[in-house]
PDB file of N, CA and C in Angstrom:
ATOM      1  N   MET A   1      48.493   1.189 -21.376  1.00  0.00           N
ATOM      2  CA  MET A   1      49.554   1.920 -20.722  1.00  0.00           C
ATOM      3  C   MET A   1      49.555   1.607 -19.223  1.00  0.00           C
ATOM      4  N   ALA A   2      48.368   1.434 -18.680  1.00  0.00           N
ATOM      5  CA  ALA A   2      48.272   1.120 -17.263  1.00  0.00           C
ATOM      6  C   ALA A   2      48.868  -0.254 -16.976  1.00  0.00           C
ATOM      7  N   ASP A   3      48.666  -1.211 -17.897  1.00  0.00           N
ATOM      8  CA  ASP A   3      49.224  -2.548 -17.699  1.00  0.00           C
ATOM      9  C   ASP A   3      50.744  -2.504 -17.696  1.00  0.00           C
ATOM     10  N   LYS A   4      51.323  -1.697 -18.584  1.00  0.00           N
ATOM     11  CA  LYS A   4      52.776  -1.564 -18.642  1.00  0.00           C
ATOM     12  C   LYS A   4      53.315  -0.966 -17.339  1.00  0.00           C
ATOM     13  N   LYS A   5      52.652   0.074 -16.841  1.00  0.00           N
ATOM     14  CA  LYS A   5      53.092   0.700 -15.591  1.00  0.00           C
ATOM     15  C   LYS A   5      53.004  -0.283 -14.429  1.00  0.00           C
ATOM     16  N   GLU A   6      51.933  -1.077 -14.409  1.00  0.00           N
ATOM     17  CA  GLU A   6      51.771  -2.063 -13.344  1.00  0.00           C
ATOM     18  C   GLU A   6      52.879  -3.105 -13.400  1.00  0.00           C
ATOM     19  N   ALA A   7      53.188  -3.587 -14.597  1.00  0.00           N
ATOM     20  CA  ALA A   7      54.257  -4.583 -14.756  1.00  0.00           C
ATOM     21  C   ALA A   7      55.602  -4.005 -14.330  1.00  0.00           C
ATOM     22  N   GLN A   8      55.862  -2.759 -14.683  1.00  0.00           N
ATOM     23  CA  GLN A   8      57.122  -2.122 -14.285  1.00  0.00           C
ATOM     24  C   GLN A   8      57.212  -1.983 -12.766  1.00  0.00           C
ATOM     25  N   GLN A   9      56.102  -1.684 -12.119  1.00  0.00           N
ATOM     26  CA  GLN A   9      56.086  -1.590 -10.664  1.00  0.00           C
ATOM     27  C   GLN A   9      56.338  -2.959 -10.036  1.00  0.00           C
ATOM     28  N   GLN A  10      55.765  -4.004 -10.636  1.00  0.00           N
ATOM     29  CA  GLN A  10      55.984  -5.355 -10.124  1.00  0.00           C
ATOM     30  C   GLN A  10      57.446  -5.777 -10.304  1.00  0.00           C
ATOM     31  N   ILE A  11      58.055  -5.380 -11.411  1.00  0.00           N
ATOM     32  CA  ILE A  11      59.477  -5.680 -11.631  1.00  0.00           C
ATOM     33  C   ILE A  11      60.320  -4.996 -10.553  1.00  0.00           C
ATOM     34  N   ALA A  12      60.026  -3.723 -10.296  1.00  0.00           N
ATOM     35  CA  ALA A  12      60.781  -2.988  -9.274  1.00  0.00           C
ATOM     36  C   ALA A  12      60.601  -3.631  -7.904  1.00  0.00           C
ATOM     37  N   ALA A  13      59.392  -4.051  -7.593  1.00  0.00           N
ATOM     38  CA  ALA A  13      59.132  -4.692  -6.302  1.00  0.00           C
ATOM     39  C   ALA A  13      59.876  -6.021  -6.196  1.00  0.00           C
ATOM     40  N   GLU A  14      59.899  -6.784  -7.271  1.00  0.00           N
ATOM     41  CA  GLU A  14      60.605  -8.070  -7.264  1.00  0.00           C
ATOM     42  C   GLU A  14      62.104  -7.856  -7.090  1.00  0.00           C
ATOM     43  N   ARG A  15      62.655  -6.869  -7.751  1.00  0.00           N
ATOM     44  CA  ARG A  15      64.098  -6.591  -7.628  1.00  0.00           C
ATOM     45  C   ARG A  15      64.461  -6.083  -6.239  1.00  0.00           C
ATOM     46  N   ALA A  16      63.512  -5.427  -5.570  1.00  0.00           N
ATOM     47  CA  ALA A  16      63.767  -4.862  -4.246  1.00  0.00           C
ATOM     48  C   ALA A  16      63.435  -5.849  -3.125  1.00  0.00           C
ATOM     49  N   ASN A  17      63.251  -7.100  -3.470  1.00  0.00           N
ATOM     50  CA  ASN A  17      62.902  -8.126  -2.499  1.00  0.00           C
ATOM     51  C   ASN A  17      63.929  -8.121  -1.362  1.00  0.00           C
ATOM     52  N   PRO A  18      63.485  -7.844  -0.138  1.00  0.00           N
ATOM     53  CA  PRO A  18      64.433  -7.725   0.978  1.00  0.00           C
ATOM     54  C   PRO A  18      65.166  -9.022   1.313  1.00  0.00           C
ATOM     55  N   SER A  19      64.624 -10.151   0.929  1.00  0.00           N
ATOM     56  CA  SER A  19      65.304 -11.412   1.232  1.00  0.00           C
ATOM     57  C   SER A  19      66.496 -11.646   0.313  1.00  0.00           C
ATOM     58  N   GLY A  20      66.557 -10.869  -0.779  1.00  0.00           N
ATOM     59  CA  GLY A  20      67.662 -11.019  -1.716  1.00  0.00           C
ATOM     60  C   GLY A  20      67.420 -12.091  -2.761  1.00  0.00           C
ATOM     61  N   VAL A  21      66.317 -12.800  -2.639  1.00  0.00           N
ATOM     62  CA  VAL A  21      65.986 -13.850  -3.604  1.00  0.00           C
ATOM     63  C   VAL A  21      65.047 -13.245  -4.642  1.00  0.00           C
ATOM     64  N   VAL A  22      65.503 -13.267  -5.878  1.00  0.00           N
ATOM     65  CA  VAL A  22      64.734 -12.676  -6.966  1.00  0.00           C
ATOM     66  C   VAL A  22      64.215 -13.803  -7.855  1.00  0.00           C
ATOM     67  N   GLY A  23      62.927 -13.752  -8.159  1.00  0.00           N
ATOM     68  CA  GLY A  23      62.332 -14.758  -9.035  1.00  0.00           C
ATOM     69  C   GLY A  23      62.635 -14.443 -10.493  1.00  0.00           C
ATOM     70  N   LEU A  24      63.612 -15.147 -11.055  1.00  0.00           N
ATOM     71  CA  LEU A  24      64.009 -14.874 -12.437  1.00  0.00           C
ATOM     72  C   LEU A  24      62.866 -15.159 -13.408  1.00  0.00           C
ATOM     73  N   ARG A  25      62.100 -16.194 -13.157  1.00  0.00           N
ATOM     74  CA  ARG A  25      60.960 -16.516 -14.031  1.00  0.00           C
ATOM     75  C   ARG A  25      59.942 -15.386 -13.978  1.00  0.00           C
ATOM     76  N   THR A  26      59.689 -14.867 -12.789  1.00  0.00           N
ATOM     77  CA  THR A  26      58.752 -13.756 -12.624  1.00  0.00           C
ATOM     78  C   THR A  26      59.240 -12.535 -13.388  1.00  0.00           C
ATOM     79  N   LEU A  27      60.540 -12.220 -13.237  1.00  0.00           N
ATOM     80  CA  LEU A  27      61.101 -11.072 -13.952  1.00  0.00           C
ATOM     81  C   LEU A  27      61.017 -11.270 -15.463  1.00  0.00           C
ATOM     82  N   HIS A  28      61.274 -12.466 -15.922  1.00  0.00           N
ATOM     83  CA  HIS A  28      61.202 -12.770 -17.351  1.00  0.00           C
ATOM     84  C   HIS A  28      59.775 -12.583 -17.865  1.00  0.00           C
ATOM     85  N   ASP A  29      58.813 -13.134 -17.149  1.00  0.00           N
ATOM     86  CA  ASP A  29      57.411 -13.011 -17.565  1.00  0.00           C
ATOM     87  C   ASP A  29      56.957 -11.559 -17.584  1.00  0.00           C
ATOM     88  N   LEU A  30      57.338 -10.809 -16.566  1.00  0.00           N
ATOM     89  CA  LEU A  30      56.962  -9.395 -16.512  1.00  0.00           C
ATOM     90  C   LEU A  30      57.663  -8.605 -17.611  1.00  0.00           C
ATOM     91  N   GLY A  31      58.911  -8.937 -17.898  1.00  0.00           N
ATOM     92  CA  GLY A  31      59.645  -8.280 -18.977  1.00  0.00           C
ATOM     93  C   GLY A  31      58.993  -8.523 -20.325  1.00  0.00           C
ATOM     94  N   GLU A  32      58.548  -9.757 -20.551  1.00  0.00           N
ATOM     95  CA  GLU A  32      57.830 -10.062 -21.799  1.00  0.00           C
ATOM     96  C   GLU A  32      56.538  -9.255 -21.891  1.00  0.00           C
ATOM     97  N   ARG A  33      55.865  -9.117 -20.770  1.00  0.00           N
ATOM     98  CA  ARG A  33      54.620  -8.337 -20.733  1.00  0.00           C
ATOM     99  C   ARG A  33      54.878  -6.876 -21.104  1.00  0.00           C
ATOM    100  N   VAL A  34      55.960  -6.310 -20.583  1.00  0.00           N
ATOM    101  CA  VAL A  34      56.319  -4.926 -20.903  1.00  0.00           C
ATOM    102  C   VAL A  34      56.649  -4.800 -22.393  1.00  0.00           C
ATOM    103  N   GLN A  35      57.396  -5.762 -22.932  1.00  0.00           N
ATOM    104  CA  GLN A  35      57.734  -5.723 -24.355  1.00  0.00           C
ATOM    105  C   GLN A  35      56.484  -5.814 -25.225  1.00  0.00           C
ATOM    106  N   TYR A  36      55.557  -6.676 -24.857  1.00  0.00           N
ATOM    107  CA  TYR A  36      54.301  -6.793 -25.601  1.00  0.00           C
ATOM    108  C   TYR A  36      53.515  -5.485 -25.522  1.00  0.00           C
ATOM    109  N   ASP A  37      53.443  -4.923 -24.324  1.00  0.00           N
ATOM    110  CA  ASP A  37      52.725  -3.650 -24.148  1.00  0.00           C
ATOM    111  C   ASP A  37      53.371  -2.539 -24.972  1.00  0.00           C
ATOM    112  N   ASP A  38      54.713  -2.486 -24.998  1.00  0.00           N
ATOM    113  CA  ASP A  38      55.414  -1.475 -25.799  1.00  0.00           C
ATOM    114  C   ASP A  38      55.042  -1.585 -27.276  1.00  0.00           C
ATOM    115  N   ALA A  39      55.024  -2.815 -27.768  1.00  0.00           N
ATOM    116  CA  ALA A  39      54.677  -3.028 -29.184  1.00  0.00           C
ATOM    117  C   ALA A  39      53.231  -2.615 -29.452  1.00  0.00           C
ATOM    118  N   SER A  40      52.335  -2.990 -28.559  1.00  0.00           N
ATOM    119  CA  SER A  40      50.921  -2.642 -28.728  1.00  0.00           C
ATOM    120  C   SER A  40      50.708  -1.136 -28.654  1.00  0.00           C
ATOM    121  N   ILE A  41      51.340  -0.501 -27.700  1.00  0.00           N
ATOM    122  CA  ILE A  41      51.199   0.945 -27.539  1.00  0.00           C
ATOM    123  C   ILE A  41      51.712   1.667 -28.777  1.00  0.00           C
ATOM    124  N   GLY A  42      52.861   1.244 -29.283  1.00  0.00           N
ATOM    125  CA  GLY A  42      53.425   1.863 -30.487  1.00  0.00           C
ATOM    126  C   GLY A  42      52.484   1.745 -31.672  1.00  0.00           C
ATOM    127  N   SER A  43      51.941   0.556 -31.860  1.00  0.00           N
ATOM    128  CA  SER A  43      51.021   0.324 -32.970  1.00  0.00           C
ATOM    129  C   SER A  43      49.752   1.160 -32.815  1.00  0.00           C
ATOM    130  N   LEU A  44      49.219   1.187 -31.622  1.00  0.00           N
ATOM    131  CA  LEU A  44      47.985   1.939 -31.382  1.00  0.00           C
ATOM    132  C   LEU A  44      48.203   3.455 -31.501  1.00  0.00           C
ATOM    133  N   LYS A  45      49.381   3.924 -31.106  1.00  0.00           N
ATOM    134  CA  LYS A  45      49.691   5.350 -31.260  1.00  0.00           C
ATOM    135  C   LYS A  45      49.739   5.733 -32.736  1.00  0.00           C
ATOM    136  N   ARG A  46      50.332   4.861 -33.554  1.00  0.00           N
ATOM    137  CA  ARG A  46      50.366   5.125 -35.000  1.00  0.00           C
ATOM    138  C   ARG A  46      48.958   5.135 -35.583  1.00  0.00           C
ATOM    139  N   ASP A  47      48.127   4.193 -35.156  1.00  0.00           N
ATOM    140  CA  ASP A  47      46.739   4.148 -35.626  1.00  0.00           C
ATOM    141  C   ASP A  47      45.988   5.419 -35.225  1.00  0.00           C
ATOM    142  N   TYR A  48      46.189   5.848 -33.984  1.00  0.00           N
ATOM    143  CA  TYR A  48      45.528   7.066 -33.496  1.00  0.00           C
ATOM    144  C   TYR A  48      45.949   8.271 -34.332  1.00  0.00           C
ATOM    145  N   GLN A  49      47.254   8.395 -34.576  1.00  0.00           N
ATOM    146  CA  GLN A  49      47.750   9.537 -35.329  1.00  0.00           C
ATOM    147  C   GLN A  49      47.193   9.520 -36.754  1.00  0.00           C
ATOM    148  N   SER A  50      47.071   8.360 -37.323  1.00  0.00           N
ATOM    149  CA  SER A  50      46.528   8.240 -38.667  1.00  0.00           C
ATOM    150  C   SER A  50      45.065   8.679 -38.718  1.00  0.00           C
ATOM    151  N   LEU A  51      44.304   8.310 -37.715  1.00  0.00           N
ATOM    152  CA  LEU A  51      42.879   8.633 -37.692  1.00  0.00           C
ATOM    153  C   LEU A  51      42.595  10.058 -37.217  1.00  0.00           C
ATOM    154  N   ALA A  52      43.294  10.485 -36.164  1.00  0.00           N
ATOM    155  CA  ALA A  52      43.016  11.783 -35.550  1.00  0.00           C
ATOM    156  C   ALA A  52      43.820  12.920 -36.174  1.00  0.00           C
ATOM    157  N   LYS A  53      44.839  12.568 -36.962  1.00  0.00           N
ATOM    158  CA  LYS A  53      45.711  13.562 -37.608  1.00  0.00           C
ATOM    159  C   LYS A  53      46.463  14.419 -36.595  1.00  0.00           C
ATOM    160  N   LYS A  54      46.720  13.846 -35.424  1.00  0.00           N
ATOM    161  CA  LYS A  54      47.535  14.511 -34.399  1.00  0.00           C
ATOM    162  C   LYS A  54      48.151  13.421 -33.536  1.00  0.00           C
ATOM    163  N   PRO A  55      49.281  13.721 -32.921  1.00  0.00           N
ATOM    164  CA  PRO A  55      49.941  12.694 -32.096  1.00  0.00           C
ATOM    165  C   PRO A  55      49.128  12.369 -30.852  1.00  0.00           C
ATOM    166  N   PHE A  56      49.284  11.142 -30.402  1.00  0.00           N
ATOM    167  CA  PHE A  56      48.607  10.679 -29.190  1.00  0.00           C
ATOM    168  C   PHE A  56      49.285  11.258 -27.965  1.00  0.00           C
ATOM    169  N   THR A  57      48.500  11.657 -26.995  1.00  0.00           N
ATOM    170  CA  THR A  57      48.998  12.033 -25.667  1.00  0.00           C
ATOM    171  C   THR A  57      48.129  11.326 -24.630  1.00  0.00           C
ATOM    172  N   GLU A  58      48.652  11.147 -23.438  1.00  0.00           N
ATOM    173  CA  GLU A  58      47.870  10.501 -22.400  1.00  0.00           C
ATOM    174  C   GLU A  58      46.628  11.302 -22.043  1.00  0.00           C
ATOM    175  N   ALA A  59      46.643  12.586 -22.315  1.00  0.00           N
ATOM    176  CA  ALA A  59      45.485  13.428 -22.047  1.00  0.00           C
ATOM    177  C   ALA A  59      44.286  13.012 -22.914  1.00  0.00           C
ATOM    178  N   ALA A  60      44.563  12.316 -24.012  1.00  0.00           N
ATOM    179  CA  ALA A  60      43.495  11.864 -24.895  1.00  0.00           C
ATOM    180  C   ALA A  60      42.750  10.669 -24.316  1.00  0.00           C
ATOM    181  N   CYS A  61      43.308  10.040 -23.293  1.00  0.00           N
ATOM    182  CA  CYS A  61      42.677   8.869 -22.674  1.00  0.00           C
ATOM    183  C   CYS A  61      41.506   9.297 -21.795  1.00  0.00           C
ATOM    184  N   SER A  62      40.432   8.548 -21.896  1.00  0.00           N
ATOM    185  CA  SER A  62      39.317   8.795 -20.965  1.00  0.00           C
ATOM    186  C   SER A  62      39.620   8.059 -19.675  1.00  0.00           C
ATOM    187  N   ARG A  63      39.259   8.616 -18.598  1.00  0.00           N
ATOM    188  CA  ARG A  63      39.560   7.998 -17.299  1.00  0.00           C
ATOM    189  C   ARG A  63      38.324   7.491 -16.653  1.00  0.00           C
TER     190      ARG A  63
END
């Protein structure tokens, strides 16, 4: 989840580039990373619910 948040922050920073030049390759790579993270998170949440018999919440994460 932290990787997804980091990628989203990097996307926002790239889009807010004050020079007006946006790296499309960078945005594409970061977008793919977010999509991969979404798929992984979804799968892991289902696994957690199956094992723990309760829905996953971020509070369940150890810090």
